PDB file of N, CA and C in Angstrom:
ATOM      1  N   MET A   1       0.844  -1.183   0.000  1.00  0.00           N
ATOM      2  CA  MET A   1       0.000   0.000   0.000  1.00  0.00           C
ATOM      3  C   MET A   1       0.884   1.240   0.000  1.00  0.00           C
ATOM      4  N   SER A   2       0.550   2.209  -0.816  1.00  0.00           N
ATOM      5  CA  SER A   2       1.336   3.435  -0.933  1.00  0.00           C
ATOM      6  C   SER A   2       0.828   4.490   0.037  1.00  0.00           C
ATOM      7  N   PHE A   3       1.738   5.293   0.514  1.00  0.00           N
ATOM      8  CA  PHE A   3       1.397   6.417   1.363  1.00  0.00           C
ATOM      9  C   PHE A   3       1.311   7.650   0.472  1.00  0.00           C
ATOM     10  N   TRP A   4       0.112   8.175   0.270  1.00  0.00           N
ATOM     11  CA  TRP A   4      -0.099   9.329  -0.596  1.00  0.00           C
ATOM     12  C   TRP A   4       0.141  10.614   0.175  1.00  0.00           C
ATOM     13  N   ARG A   5       0.895  11.531  -0.436  1.00  0.00           N
ATOM     14  CA  ARG A   5       1.173  12.842   0.155  1.00  0.00           C
ATOM     15  C   ARG A   5       0.662  13.925  -0.769  1.00  0.00           C
ATOM     16  N   LYS A   6       0.251  15.042  -0.185  1.00  0.00           N
ATOM     17  CA  LYS A   6      -0.150  16.184  -0.996  1.00  0.00           C
ATOM     18  C   LYS A   6       0.623  17.403  -0.533  1.00  0.00           C
ATOM     19  N   SER A   7       0.621  18.415  -1.336  1.00  0.00           N
ATOM     20  CA  SER A   7       1.347  19.641  -1.035  1.00  0.00           C
ATOM     21  C   SER A   7       0.877  20.251   0.278  1.00  0.00           C
ATOM     22  N   SER A   8       1.791  20.832   1.010  1.00  0.00           N
ATOM     23  CA  SER A   8       1.427  21.534   2.242  1.00  0.00           C
ATOM     24  C   SER A   8       0.552  22.745   1.926  1.00  0.00           C
ATOM     25  N   PHE A   9       0.593  23.232   0.697  1.00  0.00           N
ATOM     26  CA  PHE A   9      -0.262  24.343   0.280  1.00  0.00           C
ATOM     27  C   PHE A   9      -1.724  23.908   0.198  1.00  0.00           C
ATOM     28  N   SER A  10      -1.983  22.612   0.105  1.00  0.00           N
ATOM     29  CA  SER A  10      -3.344  22.093  -0.012  1.00  0.00           C
ATOM     30  C   SER A  10      -3.938  21.671   1.327  1.00  0.00           C
ATOM     31  N   SER A  11      -3.150  21.599   2.362  1.00  0.00           N
ATOM     32  CA  SER A  11      -3.587  20.982   3.618  1.00  0.00           C
ATOM     33  C   SER A  11      -4.756  21.671   4.297  1.00  0.00           C
ATOM     34  N   GLY A  12      -4.915  22.972   4.164  1.00  0.00           N
ATOM     35  CA  GLY A  12      -5.985  23.669   4.841  1.00  0.00           C
ATOM     36  C   GLY A  12      -7.230  23.851   4.008  1.00  0.00           C
ATOM     37  N   GLN A  13      -7.231  23.330   2.797  1.00  0.00           N
ATOM     38  CA  GLN A  13      -8.356  23.561   1.895  1.00  0.00           C
ATOM     39  C   GLN A  13      -9.405  22.465   2.026  1.00  0.00           C
ATOM     40  N   VAL A  14     -10.657  22.857   1.935  1.00  0.00           N
ATOM     41  CA  VAL A  14     -11.766  21.910   1.967  1.00  0.00           C
ATOM     42  C   VAL A  14     -11.883  21.197   0.624  1.00  0.00           C
ATOM     43  N   SER A  15     -11.532  21.860  -0.446  1.00  0.00           N
ATOM     44  CA  SER A  15     -11.633  21.320  -1.793  1.00  0.00           C
ATOM     45  C   SER A  15     -10.773  20.071  -1.953  1.00  0.00           C
ATOM     46  N   ALA A  16     -11.234  19.164  -2.796  1.00  0.00           N
ATOM     47  CA  ALA A  16     -10.491  17.936  -3.068  1.00  0.00           C
ATOM     48  C   ALA A  16      -9.589  18.088  -4.286  1.00  0.00           C
ATOM     49  N   GLU A  17      -9.353  19.299  -4.724  1.00  0.00           N
ATOM     50  CA  GLU A  17      -8.564  19.536  -5.927  1.00  0.00           C
ATOM     51  C   GLU A  17      -7.094  19.695  -5.601  1.00  0.00           C
ATOM     52  N   CYS A  18      -6.399  18.578  -5.505  1.00  0.00           N
ATOM     53  CA  CYS A  18      -4.958  18.649  -5.293  1.00  0.00           C
ATOM     54  C   CYS A  18      -4.305  17.416  -5.902  1.00  0.00           C
ATOM     55  N   VAL A  19      -3.023  17.516  -6.118  1.00  0.00           N
ATOM     56  CA  VAL A  19      -2.248  16.412  -6.656  1.00  0.00           C
ATOM     57  C   VAL A  19      -1.600  15.687  -5.490  1.00  0.00           C
ATOM     58  N   GLU A  20      -1.634  14.361  -5.538  1.00  0.00           N
ATOM     59  CA  GLU A  20      -1.028  13.543  -4.496  1.00  0.00           C
ATOM     60  C   GLU A  20       0.084  12.696  -5.118  1.00  0.00           C
ATOM     61  N   VAL A  21       1.111  12.429  -4.328  1.00  0.00           N
ATOM     62  CA  VAL A  21       2.272  11.688  -4.802  1.00  0.00           C
ATOM     63  C   VAL A  21       2.602  10.584  -3.805  1.00  0.00           C
ATOM     64  N   ALA A  22       3.008   9.427  -4.330  1.00  0.00           N
ATOM     65  CA  ALA A  22       3.455   8.318  -3.492  1.00  0.00           C
ATOM     66  C   ALA A  22       4.702   7.704  -4.118  1.00  0.00           C
ATOM     67  N   ALA A  23       5.566   7.172  -3.275  1.00  0.00           N
ATOM     68  CA  ALA A  23       6.777   6.486  -3.743  1.00  0.00           C
ATOM     69  C   ALA A  23       6.821   5.115  -3.064  1.00  0.00           C
ATOM     70  N   PRO A  24       6.117   4.121  -3.638  1.00  0.00           N
ATOM     71  CA  PRO A  24       6.074   2.804  -3.012  1.00  0.00           C
ATOM     72  C   PRO A  24       7.393   2.033  -3.067  1.00  0.00           C
ATOM     73  N   SER A  25       8.298   2.463  -3.942  1.00  0.00           N
ATOM     74  CA  SER A  25       9.628   1.860  -4.024  1.00  0.00           C
ATOM     75  C   SER A  25      10.603   2.924  -4.521  1.00  0.00           C
ATOM     76  N   PRO A  26      11.904   2.700  -4.371  1.00  0.00           N
ATOM     77  CA  PRO A  26      12.883   3.710  -4.785  1.00  0.00           C
ATOM     78  C   PRO A  26      12.865   4.042  -6.282  1.00  0.00           C
ATOM     79  N   ASP A  27      12.354   3.123  -7.102  1.00  0.00           N
ATOM     80  CA  ASP A  27      12.379   3.353  -8.553  1.00  0.00           C
ATOM     81  C   ASP A  27      11.002   3.655  -9.142  1.00  0.00           C
ATOM     82  N   LEU A  28      10.012   3.989  -8.286  1.00  0.00           N
ATOM     83  CA  LEU A  28       8.658   4.238  -8.778  1.00  0.00           C
ATOM     84  C   LEU A  28       8.030   5.414  -8.049  1.00  0.00           C
ATOM     85  N   ILE A  29       7.517   6.375  -8.827  1.00  0.00           N
ATOM     86  CA  ILE A  29       6.775   7.522  -8.303  1.00  0.00           C
ATOM     87  C   ILE A  29       5.370   7.435  -8.892  1.00  0.00           C
ATOM     88  N   LEU A  30       4.352   7.525  -8.034  1.00  0.00           N
ATOM     89  CA  LEU A  30       2.960   7.503  -8.468  1.00  0.00           C
ATOM     90  C   LEU A  30       2.346   8.868  -8.232  1.00  0.00           C
ATOM     91  N   ILE A  31       1.549   9.333  -9.190  1.00  0.00           N
ATOM     92  CA  ILE A  31       0.927  10.658  -9.125  1.00  0.00           C
ATOM     93  C   ILE A  31      -0.556  10.487  -9.424  1.00  0.00           C
ATOM     94  N   ARG A  32      -1.405  11.163  -8.639  1.00  0.00           N
ATOM     95  CA  ARG A  32      -2.842  11.124  -8.900  1.00  0.00           C
ATOM     96  C   ARG A  32      -3.479  12.444  -8.495  1.00  0.00           C
ATOM     97  N   GLU A  33      -4.659  12.697  -9.025  1.00  0.00           N
ATOM     98  CA  GLU A  33      -5.444  13.858  -8.630  1.00  0.00           C
ATOM     99  C   GLU A  33      -6.434  13.383  -7.570  1.00  0.00           C
ATOM    100  N   SER A  34      -6.552  14.122  -6.489  1.00  0.00           N
ATOM    101  CA  SER A  34      -7.340  13.647  -5.359  1.00  0.00           C
ATOM    102  C   SER A  34      -8.811  13.436  -5.683  1.00  0.00           C
ATOM    103  N   ASP A  35      -9.371  14.163  -6.639  1.00  0.00           N
ATOM    104  CA  ASP A  35     -10.779  13.969  -6.955  1.00  0.00           C
ATOM    105  C   ASP A  35     -11.014  12.825  -7.944  1.00  0.00           C
ATOM    106  N   ASP A  36      -9.948  12.178  -8.431  1.00  0.00           N
ATOM    107  CA  ASP A  36     -10.054  10.991  -9.276  1.00  0.00           C
ATOM    108  C   ASP A  36      -8.918  10.035  -8.906  1.00  0.00           C
ATOM    109  N   PRO A  37      -8.952   9.468  -7.696  1.00  0.00           N
ATOM    110  CA  PRO A  37      -7.821   8.674  -7.205  1.00  0.00           C
ATOM    111  C   PRO A  37      -7.560   7.380  -7.970  1.00  0.00           C
ATOM    112  N   ALA A  38      -8.500   6.939  -8.789  1.00  0.00           N
ATOM    113  CA  ALA A  38      -8.272   5.717  -9.560  1.00  0.00           C
ATOM    114  C   ALA A  38      -7.357   5.950 -10.758  1.00  0.00           C
ATOM    115  N   ALA A  39      -7.246   7.186 -11.219  1.00  0.00           N
ATOM    116  CA  ALA A  39      -6.384   7.512 -12.359  1.00  0.00           C
ATOM    117  C   ALA A  39      -4.992   7.850 -11.834  1.00  0.00           C
ATOM    118  N   VAL A  40      -4.069   6.936 -12.008  1.00  0.00           N
ATOM    119  CA  VAL A  40      -2.714   7.081 -11.459  1.00  0.00           C
ATOM    120  C   VAL A  40      -1.704   7.105 -12.602  1.00  0.00           C
ATOM    121  N   ILE A  41      -0.762   8.022 -12.522  1.00  0.00           N
ATOM    122  CA  ILE A  41       0.345   8.112 -13.469  1.00  0.00           C
ATOM    123  C   ILE A  41       1.587   7.583 -12.766  1.00  0.00           C
ATOM    124  N   ALA A  42       2.313   6.709 -13.420  1.00  0.00           N
ATOM    125  CA  ALA A  42       3.538   6.147 -12.865  1.00  0.00           C
ATOM    126  C   ALA A  42       4.741   6.697 -13.626  1.00  0.00           C
ATOM    127  N   THR A  43       5.793   7.017 -12.893  1.00  0.00           N
ATOM    128  CA  THR A  43       7.030   7.509 -13.502  1.00  0.00           C
ATOM    129  C   THR A  43       8.207   7.084 -12.625  1.00  0.00           C
ATOM    130  N   GLY A  44       9.381   7.424 -13.060  1.00  0.00           N
ATOM    131  CA  GLY A  44      10.580   7.116 -12.297  1.00  0.00           C
ATOM    132  C   GLY A  44      11.127   8.360 -11.608  1.00  0.00           C
ATOM    133  N   PRO A  45      12.134   8.176 -10.773  1.00  0.00           N
ATOM    134  CA  PRO A  45      12.692   9.300 -10.023  1.00  0.00           C
ATOM    135  C   PRO A  45      13.331  10.380 -10.894  1.00  0.00           C
ATOM    136  N   ALA A  46      13.997  10.019 -11.986  1.00  0.00           N
ATOM    137  CA  ALA A  46      14.666  11.025 -12.829  1.00  0.00           C
ATOM    138  C   ALA A  46      13.662  11.944 -13.529  1.00  0.00           C
ATOM    139  N   PRO A  47      12.627  11.408 -14.193  1.00  0.00           N
ATOM    140  CA  PRO A  47      11.637  12.303 -14.798  1.00  0.00           C
ATOM    141  C   PRO A  47      10.893  13.137 -13.753  1.00  0.00           C
ATOM    142  N   TRP A  48      10.622  12.550 -12.595  1.00  0.00           N
ATOM    143  CA  TRP A  48       9.943  13.295 -11.530  1.00  0.00           C
ATOM    144  C   TRP A  48      10.816  14.452 -11.054  1.00  0.00           C
ATOM    145  N   ALA A  49      12.096  14.207 -10.859  1.00  0.00           N
ATOM    146  CA  ALA A  49      13.020  15.263 -10.431  1.00  0.00           C
ATOM    147  C   ALA A  49      13.099  16.370 -11.479  1.00  0.00           C
ATOM    148  N   ALA A  50      13.132  16.006 -12.759  1.00  0.00           N
ATOM    149  CA  ALA A  50      13.167  17.008 -13.825  1.00  0.00           C
ATOM    150  C   ALA A  50      11.891  17.845 -13.819  1.00  0.00           C
ATOM    151  N   PHE A  51      10.744  17.215 -13.578  1.00  0.00           N
ATOM    152  CA  PHE A  51       9.475  17.937 -13.508  1.00  0.00           C
ATOM    153  C   PHE A  51       9.475  18.918 -12.336  1.00  0.00           C
ATOM    154  N   ILE A  52       9.927  18.488 -11.177  1.00  0.00           N
ATOM    155  CA  ILE A  52       9.975  19.351  -9.994  1.00  0.00           C
ATOM    156  C   ILE A  52      10.928  20.530 -10.237  1.00  0.00           C
ATOM    157  N   GLN A  53      12.074  20.271 -10.852  1.00  0.00           N
ATOM    158  CA  GLN A  53      13.002  21.361 -11.173  1.00  0.00           C
ATOM    159  C   GLN A  53      12.354  22.365 -12.112  1.00  0.00           C
ATOM    160  N   GLY A  54      11.596  21.875 -13.100  1.00  0.00           N
ATOM    161  CA  GLY A  54      10.889  22.757 -14.023  1.00  0.00           C
ATOM    162  C   GLY A  54       9.850  23.610 -13.310  1.00  0.00           C
ATOM    163  N   LEU A  55       9.150  23.012 -12.352  1.00  0.00           N
ATOM    164  CA  LEU A  55       8.194  23.779 -11.547  1.00  0.00           C
ATOM    165  C   LEU A  55       8.892  24.900 -10.792  1.00  0.00           C
ATOM    166  N   LYS A  56       9.998  24.565 -10.153  1.00  0.00           N
ATOM    167  CA  LYS A  56      10.734  25.557  -9.359  1.00  0.00           C
ATOM    168  C   LYS A  56      11.309  26.673 -10.223  1.00  0.00           C
ATOM    169  N   ARG A  57      11.679  26.346 -11.467  1.00  0.00           N
ATOM    170  CA  ARG A  57      12.206  27.360 -12.392  1.00  0.00           C
ATOM    171  C   ARG A  57      11.100  28.226 -12.982  1.00  0.00           C
ATOM    172  N   GLY A  58       9.868  27.779 -12.878  1.00  0.00           N
ATOM    173  CA  GLY A  58       8.762  28.521 -13.460  1.00  0.00           C
ATOM    174  C   GLY A  58       8.463  28.131 -14.889  1.00  0.00           C
ATOM    175  N   ASP A  59       8.967  26.995 -15.332  1.00  0.00           N
ATOM    176  CA  ASP A  59       8.765  26.563 -16.716  1.00  0.00           C
ATOM    177  C   ASP A  59       7.290  26.414 -17.091  1.00  0.00           C
ATOM    178  N   PHE A  60       6.424  26.186 -16.120  1.00  0.00           N
ATOM    179  CA  PHE A  60       5.017  25.923 -16.401  1.00  0.00           C
ATOM    180  C   PHE A  60       4.110  27.069 -15.959  1.00  0.00           C
ATOM    181  N   ASP A  61       4.694  28.202 -15.624  1.00  0.00           N
ATOM    182  CA  ASP A  61       3.896  29.338 -15.164  1.00  0.00           C
ATOM    183  C   ASP A  61       2.992  29.899 -16.258  1.00  0.00           C
ATOM    184  N   ARG A  62       3.480  29.885 -17.476  1.00  0.00           N
ATOM    185  CA  ARG A  62       2.697  30.393 -18.607  1.00  0.00           C
ATOM    186  C   ARG A  62       2.768  29.364 -19.741  1.00  0.00           C
ATOM    187  N   LEU A  63       1.746  28.560 -19.814  1.00  0.00           N
ATOM    188  CA  LEU A  63       1.712  27.543 -20.864  1.00  0.00           C
ATOM    189  C   LEU A  63       1.222  28.164 -22.171  1.00  0.00           C
ATOM    190  N   PRO A  64       1.605  27.623 -23.310  1.00  0.00           N
ATOM    191  CA  PRO A  64       1.147  28.144 -24.589  1.00  0.00           C
ATOM    192  C   PRO A  64      -0.373  28.211 -24.644  1.00  0.00           C
ATOM    193  N   GLY A  65      -0.899  29.328 -25.131  1.00  0.00           N
ATOM    194  CA  GLY A  65      -2.337  29.499 -25.248  1.00  0.00           C
ATOM    195  C   GLY A  65      -3.012  30.033 -24.005  1.00  0.00           C
ATOM    196  N   SER A  66      -2.268  30.157 -22.899  1.00  0.00           N
ATOM    197  CA  SER A  66      -2.881  30.699 -21.674  1.00  0.00           C
ATOM    198  C   SER A  66      -2.724  32.213 -21.642  1.00  0.00           C
ATOM    199  N   VAL A  67      -3.592  32.855 -20.914  1.00  0.00           N
ATOM    200  CA  VAL A  67      -3.589  34.318 -20.820  1.00  0.00           C
ATOM    201  C   VAL A  67      -2.700  34.758 -19.687  1.00  0.00           C
TER     202      VAL A  67
END
């Protein structure tokens, strides 16, 4: 069984709209949206680390087509 974690920014919110992450083994990262927990995305540590670095750099702050 995986231990799902969510962002500390989501902890005080009543809404179920948050992303949860679990690492059931050293080579597997699981990602799901809390309002649809059956839909799980699996990835490895290297792609996950690259995604987190991109978030911290602001790579996803303005996606193409967004205002």
